Amino acid sequence: MAIEAFEREVNNGGYSQFFFNSSNEYALIITDALHRIERPMIVKLTQEAINALGLQSVTVAAINRAMENESAELEAELEECDERYYGMGDDLAMPLFEFIKNNKGKIVLINQSQHR
């Protein structure tokens, strides 16, 4: 779910949109998820985008504060990450589906409403 939310938001409006929308809940785990589907360049780039937020601790509340106090410098850094991401032309769907196929016995779906 994290990768699908990430890809949808970044392709639609960049890292800024990923961090601004409710999808930012996945920022806490997105680099690990991307690592699991073996996308090291996107892991590195996404970590750079997270670092651009200047957070002491990566939490949804901290991301929301950073995005509310958005500066021209932050926007420029995120836009640079966007351009590099788009330039990679990497489709995450195929490696994600391959990961799911190879790990289907280990995947457990959790009802999110029970864990909030």
C-alpha atoms as a PDB file:
ATOM      1  CA  MET A   1       0.000   0.000   0.000  1.00  0.00           C
ATOM      2  CA  ALA A   2       2.863   2.365   0.808  1.00  0.00           C
ATOM      3  CA  ILE A   3       4.415   1.941  -2.625  1.00  0.00           C
ATOM      4  CA  GLU A   4       1.113   2.382  -4.434  1.00  0.00           C
ATOM      5  CA  ALA A   5       0.331   5.556  -2.444  1.00  0.00           C
ATOM      6  CA  PHE A   6       3.858   6.840  -3.025  1.00  0.00           C
ATOM      7  CA  GLU A   7       3.799   6.215  -6.771  1.00  0.00           C
ATOM      8  CA  ARG A   8       0.309   7.686  -7.176  1.00  0.00           C
ATOM      9  CA  GLU A   9       1.136  10.879  -5.283  1.00  0.00           C
ATOM     10  CA  VAL A  10       4.638  11.484  -6.653  1.00  0.00           C
ATOM     11  CA  ASN A  11       3.525  10.838 -10.242  1.00  0.00           C
ATOM     12  CA  ASN A  12       0.534  13.139  -9.751  1.00  0.00           C
ATOM     13  CA  GLY A  13       2.137  16.054  -7.912  1.00  0.00           C
ATOM     14  CA  GLY A  14       5.628  15.193  -6.774  1.00  0.00           C
ATOM     15  CA  TYR A  15       7.169  14.541  -3.398  1.00  0.00           C
ATOM     16  CA  SER A  16       5.471  17.653  -2.088  1.00  0.00           C
ATOM     17  CA  GLN A  17       2.072  16.083  -2.740  1.00  0.00           C
ATOM     18  CA  PHE A  18       3.178  12.802  -1.137  1.00  0.00           C
ATOM     19  CA  PHE A  19       4.202  14.650   2.025  1.00  0.00           C
ATOM     20  CA  PHE A  20       1.252  17.059   2.041  1.00  0.00           C
ATOM     21  CA  ASN A  21      -1.587  14.560   1.614  1.00  0.00           C
ATOM     22  CA  SER A  22      -2.688  11.829   4.011  1.00  0.00           C
ATOM     23  CA  SER A  23      -0.345   9.513   2.122  1.00  0.00           C
ATOM     24  CA  ASN A  24       2.395  11.026   4.294  1.00  0.00           C
ATOM     25  CA  GLU A  25       1.616   8.295   6.840  1.00  0.00           C
ATOM     26  CA  TYR A  26       3.633   6.023   4.528  1.00  0.00           C
ATOM     27  CA  ALA A  27       6.697   8.286   4.672  1.00  0.00           C
ATOM     28  CA  LEU A  28       7.622   6.437   7.856  1.00  0.00           C
ATOM     29  CA  ILE A  29       8.084   3.170   5.957  1.00  0.00           C
ATOM     30  CA  ILE A  30       8.469   4.082   2.289  1.00  0.00           C
ATOM     31  CA  THR A  31      12.241   3.698   2.035  1.00  0.00           C
ATOM     32  CA  ASP A  32      12.049   0.236   3.603  1.00  0.00           C
ATOM     33  CA  ALA A  33       9.220  -0.731   1.228  1.00  0.00           C
ATOM     34  CA  LEU A  34      11.185   0.501  -1.796  1.00  0.00           C
ATOM     35  CA  HIS A  35      14.244  -1.363  -0.563  1.00  0.00           C
ATOM     36  CA  ARG A  36      12.210  -4.581  -0.332  1.00  0.00           C
ATOM     37  CA  ILE A  37      11.265  -4.337  -4.020  1.00  0.00           C
ATOM     38  CA  GLU A  38      14.905  -3.650  -4.875  1.00  0.00           C
ATOM     39  CA  ARG A  39      14.772  -0.046  -6.045  1.00  0.00           C
ATOM     40  CA  PRO A  40      17.968   1.341  -4.444  1.00  0.00           C
ATOM     41  CA  MET A  41      18.145   4.506  -6.544  1.00  0.00           C
ATOM     42  CA  ILE A  42      14.584   5.460  -5.607  1.00  0.00           C
ATOM     43  CA  VAL A  43      15.335   4.608  -1.964  1.00  0.00           C
ATOM     44  CA  LYS A  44      18.275   7.023  -2.034  1.00  0.00           C
ATOM     45  CA  LEU A  45      16.299   9.750  -3.772  1.00  0.00           C
ATOM     46  CA  THR A  46      13.297   9.363  -1.476  1.00  0.00           C
ATOM     47  CA  GLN A  47      15.551   9.547   1.575  1.00  0.00           C
ATOM     48  CA  GLU A  48      16.960  12.801   0.168  1.00  0.00           C
ATOM     49  CA  ALA A  49      13.409  14.152  -0.149  1.00  0.00           C
ATOM     50  CA  ILE A  50      12.654  13.139   3.437  1.00  0.00           C
ATOM     51  CA  ASN A  51      15.909  14.739   4.602  1.00  0.00           C
ATOM     52  CA  ALA A  52      14.930  17.965   2.820  1.00  0.00           C
ATOM     53  CA  LEU A  53      12.076  18.297   5.315  1.00  0.00           C
ATOM     54  CA  GLY A  54      14.673  18.876   8.033  1.00  0.00           C
ATOM     55  CA  LEU A  55      12.945  16.711  10.616  1.00  0.00           C
ATOM     56  CA  GLN A  56      14.436  15.658  13.930  1.00  0.00           C
ATOM     57  CA  SER A  57      12.157  12.632  13.882  1.00  0.00           C
ATOM     58  CA  VAL A  58      10.055  11.345  10.984  1.00  0.00           C
ATOM     59  CA  THR A  59       6.470  11.389  12.228  1.00  0.00           C
ATOM     60  CA  VAL A  60       3.243  12.365  10.517  1.00  0.00           C
ATOM     61  CA  ALA A  61       2.919  15.378  12.829  1.00  0.00           C
ATOM     62  CA  ALA A  62       6.463  16.524  12.026  1.00  0.00           C
ATOM     63  CA  ILE A  63       5.876  16.111   8.288  1.00  0.00           C
ATOM     64  CA  ASN A  64       2.641  18.111   8.547  1.00  0.00           C
ATOM     65  CA  ARG A  65       4.457  20.923  10.381  1.00  0.00           C
ATOM     66  CA  ALA A  66       7.241  20.976   7.784  1.00  0.00           C
ATOM     67  CA  MET A  67       4.741  21.136   4.934  1.00  0.00           C
ATOM     68  CA  GLU A  68       2.709  23.880   6.645  1.00  0.00           C
ATOM     69  CA  ASN A  69       5.870  25.968   7.019  1.00  0.00           C
ATOM     70  CA  GLU A  70       6.859  25.287   3.438  1.00  0.00           C
ATOM     71  CA  SER A  71       9.641  27.499   2.182  1.00  0.00           C
ATOM     72  CA  ALA A  72      10.904  28.314  -1.288  1.00  0.00           C
ATOM     73  CA  GLU A  73      14.075  26.392  -0.436  1.00  0.00           C
ATOM     74  CA  LEU A  74      12.128  23.270   0.545  1.00  0.00           C
ATOM     75  CA  GLU A  75       9.958  23.497  -2.552  1.00  0.00           C
ATOM     76  CA  ALA A  76      13.058  23.807  -4.758  1.00  0.00           C
ATOM     77  CA  GLU A  77      14.676  20.770  -3.116  1.00  0.00           C
ATOM     78  CA  LEU A  78      11.536  18.684  -3.526  1.00  0.00           C
ATOM     79  CA  GLU A  79      11.132  19.793  -7.136  1.00  0.00           C
ATOM     80  CA  GLU A  80      14.713  18.711  -7.822  1.00  0.00           C
ATOM     81  CA  CYS A  81      13.868  15.313  -6.362  1.00  0.00           C
ATOM     82  CA  ASP A  82      10.747  15.218  -8.560  1.00  0.00           C
ATOM     83  CA  GLU A  83      12.769  15.867 -11.708  1.00  0.00           C
ATOM     84  CA  ARG A  84      15.281  13.183 -10.839  1.00  0.00           C
ATOM     85  CA  TYR A  85      12.479  10.717 -10.040  1.00  0.00           C
ATOM     86  CA  TYR A  86      10.692  11.416 -13.328  1.00  0.00           C
ATOM     87  CA  GLY A  87      14.003  11.109 -15.178  1.00  0.00           C
ATOM     88  CA  MET A  88      14.473   7.586 -13.854  1.00  0.00           C
ATOM     89  CA  GLY A  89      11.376   6.415 -15.710  1.00  0.00           C
ATOM     90  CA  ASP A  90      11.081   3.542 -13.255  1.00  0.00           C
ATOM     91  CA  ASP A  91       7.708   1.810 -13.038  1.00  0.00           C
ATOM     92  CA  LEU A  92       7.197   0.468  -9.535  1.00  0.00           C
ATOM     93  CA  ALA A  93       4.179  -1.689 -10.391  1.00  0.00           C
ATOM     94  CA  MET A  94       6.082  -4.620 -11.901  1.00  0.00           C
ATOM     95  CA  PRO A  95       8.670  -5.005  -9.121  1.00  0.00           C
ATOM     96  CA  LEU A  96       5.900  -4.580  -6.537  1.00  0.00           C
ATOM     97  CA  PHE A  97       3.773  -7.304  -8.135  1.00  0.00           C
ATOM     98  CA  GLU A  98       6.832  -9.551  -8.412  1.00  0.00           C
ATOM     99  CA  PHE A  99       7.532  -9.010  -4.693  1.00  0.00           C
ATOM    100  CA  ILE A 100       3.916  -9.826  -3.838  1.00  0.00           C
ATOM    101  CA  LYS A 101       3.982 -12.970  -5.991  1.00  0.00           C
ATOM    102  CA  ASN A 102       7.231 -14.165  -4.405  1.00  0.00           C
ATOM    103  CA  ASN A 103       6.096 -13.395  -0.852  1.00  0.00           C
ATOM    104  CA  LYS A 104       2.350 -14.059  -0.939  1.00  0.00           C
ATOM    105  CA  GLY A 105       2.559 -16.604   1.881  1.00  0.00           C
ATOM    106  CA  LYS A 106       4.152 -13.997   4.173  1.00  0.00           C
ATOM    107  CA  ILE A 107       1.752 -11.136   3.484  1.00  0.00           C
ATOM    108  CA  VAL A 108      -0.941 -10.518   6.067  1.00  0.00           C
ATOM    109  CA  LEU A 109      -3.622  -7.881   5.616  1.00  0.00           C
ATOM    110  CA  ILE A 110      -4.535  -5.916   8.719  1.00  0.00           C
ATOM    111  CA  ASN A 111      -7.772  -4.038   9.175  1.00  0.00           C
ATOM    112  CA  GLN A 112      -6.439  -0.489   9.668  1.00  0.00           C
ATOM    113  CA  SER A 113      -9.543   0.682  11.542  1.00  0.00           C
ATOM    114  CA  GLN A 114      -8.754  -1.784  14.325  1.00  0.00           C
ATOM    115  CA  HIS A 115      -5.231  -0.385  14.768  1.00  0.00           C
ATOM    116  CA  ARG A 116      -5.854   3.368  14.990  1.00  0.00           C
END
